[in-house]
Amino acid sequence: MPDHYAALSPLGPRIVRQIDPANRLTSLQGKTIGFLWNGLFRGEEIFPMVAQLLDQRHADIRWLDFSAFGLTFGGDEIEVLARLPARLKELGVDAVIAGVGCCGACTPAVMRAASVAEDAGVPAVSLVCDGFTGQARAVSGGLGIAKLAIARIVGHVDEQSVEELRASLEAVTLDEVVRGLTQAPGDAQRLAELESGVVIAQGTFDEINRFFLEHRLSDGLPIVPPTQSKVDEFLRFSPDPPERIIGPMKPSGSAATVFNVAVNGVMANCRPEYMPILIAIAEALCDPAYGVEHSGDTTGGEALVILSGEIAQRLGFAVAGGVLRDGVQANTSTGRFVRLLLRNVARSLPGEADRSTFGNTWRVVLAEHEDAARSLGWPLFSEDRGHAPGANLITVARFTAGGVVGSIYGKDPTQIVAYLADGLVRQMSWESVYTVGFARGTYRPLIVLSPMVARTLKRAGVDKARLRQMLYEQARMTARKMEDYIGPWTNLVPGRPSLAQLVDAGKAAPLFAESSNPDRRVPIVERPEDILIVMSGDPLRSNAYVFGSNGPHGFPTTAVVRA
């Protein structure tokens, strides 16, 4: 007879405060309506069109431009949303129209702004493109409102002419705007708490796996059935009680708990003794500084866990050859755990809250080769993160892409650093908006050095601090190219400004406007210390690996492993 399992739920209890939507208007006539803009997807064109079209139907509407509130997405979002309730009251706003949700990160941002308005008693409706309405609905519950009002924009604004856009707004969107502000969005019933900590399936190994696949609780690979006895093995290695709430995980608003961390760890084929590491990972993901709510953004960066401290080698994490390759249980299963926790607790599901265009497969854990670093007298990554040398830590960050800097040759540090700097620059394009513009000074690229390269640099008199400074000085592109990335080639910075204009607006450091020569070379990071450096990999190969940063959408966040 095949083994029979009773599998526990990997989900989390919803802990975000639930509120009712604001009372709707009886009519738009004579009302003051404000526009809340995330700074993307042609809002500067769409909002005036909406105002003009609504003026033809409703008399005496007083419109407030988005500039009265500030951009609701990017580096200023937290500050703008914090002062929004008072600003709405001060300006006598009766309703708001938020927009424009046409990407995987900006749509949740639109919904966040709308939820703040609703919580302040001001009815809101959000302009959302086809393809992102499902995401908008998926994130509503985690923002504390069962159903936020949405007005659909047909198609995607990026492929429509002005005439096509205006016609679709008039034909479809306008009626939904009026309905969203004057009719209650559904029955406003509070969402039921997600089932957690209970047996949700019983059967054979194959039956359990089929159930988890059908209910979108698995990543498509076989899981280890999370039975109570298996979970109990993990809990014995926990520094905390199973009922501890680590924190809410957006977009679901459900809680990561010690218990569901153990459940997802079992499913990922982790070993029980990894439990302190798994808890630390959950703590980092729940830290607001990380920005877990952006895990489903359009560009599809993926989280990488960097493990520091003696615990790495004690628990069998690979630190040498093939360190980023799957196959070693510790690195592989712990990396898989991250994606399962995002799927099951954050509920970042592809096609729903996760709207990445392509996405990435989960990354195995990168463990620092501390013995090699110590042998060279290099500061450990734990020291770079502000902790004692050798402290057991995890750092979680999202990276957009990565590539090898291969077969680094010679002993001349100038040439070696030039090659490494070239690798850093090659991993950056649209991500320039995390250095200037959208979220100034949040770009954090990572370079993983093999011990052999570090040893060659050390013999030439280049230590870790000097290497970071040299990379800062050489990892540069022309101002013209950076302006292309933030201007003509993308729609990520409103108005397609020059670097000088961004400096004037406080959206870039002064060094980016030190001259008007378009061919001047500007750094890819604001400060040398923004470059992350970890020593790992095969000690007998002269290679490096470079990752491009996803900025504040998965900002490097460190937690202590309490083992």
Foldseek 3Di string as FASTA:
>chain_A
DFDKFQFFALAFWFDDAADFFFAFDQAQAQFEEEEAEQQFQPPVLVVVLLVVLVCVVHPNYHYHYNVLQDHCAFACNVVSLVCVLVSCVVVVHQAYEYDDAEWLQVLVSSLLSQLSCRVSRHFYEYEYEPLCPQQNQQLNLLSRWNGHQYFYQYHGSVPDDSVRRSVSCNPGRNVSRRCSRHPRGPPRDRDDIDDGDGGDDMGGQVRVQVVCVVVQLDPPDRFQRQHPVQLVLLQVLDPDHQADFLAAAPSNSGTDTLSSLSSLLRRLVHHSNCSLVSSQVSNQRRPVQFARLSCQTALAWEKEKEWFAPVCVVVPQAFAAPNFPPDGRNQRSSQSSVVSCCCRYNVCDDSHSRPYPPHDDGTGYHYFPLVLCVVLVAQALCVLVPHDGRFTKMKMFTFSDKDKLADQDDLDVLSSLLSVLVRQLVQDALCLCLCFARHHQQKAKEKEFESQQQVSCVVVVQGPVNSLVSSQVNNWFFQLRSLCSQAVVDSRHNPSDRQVVRVVVVRHPPVSPPDPPRRDIHGSGRDSSSYHYGYGYHNPGGMMMMTTGPGSNRGIGMGGRPD
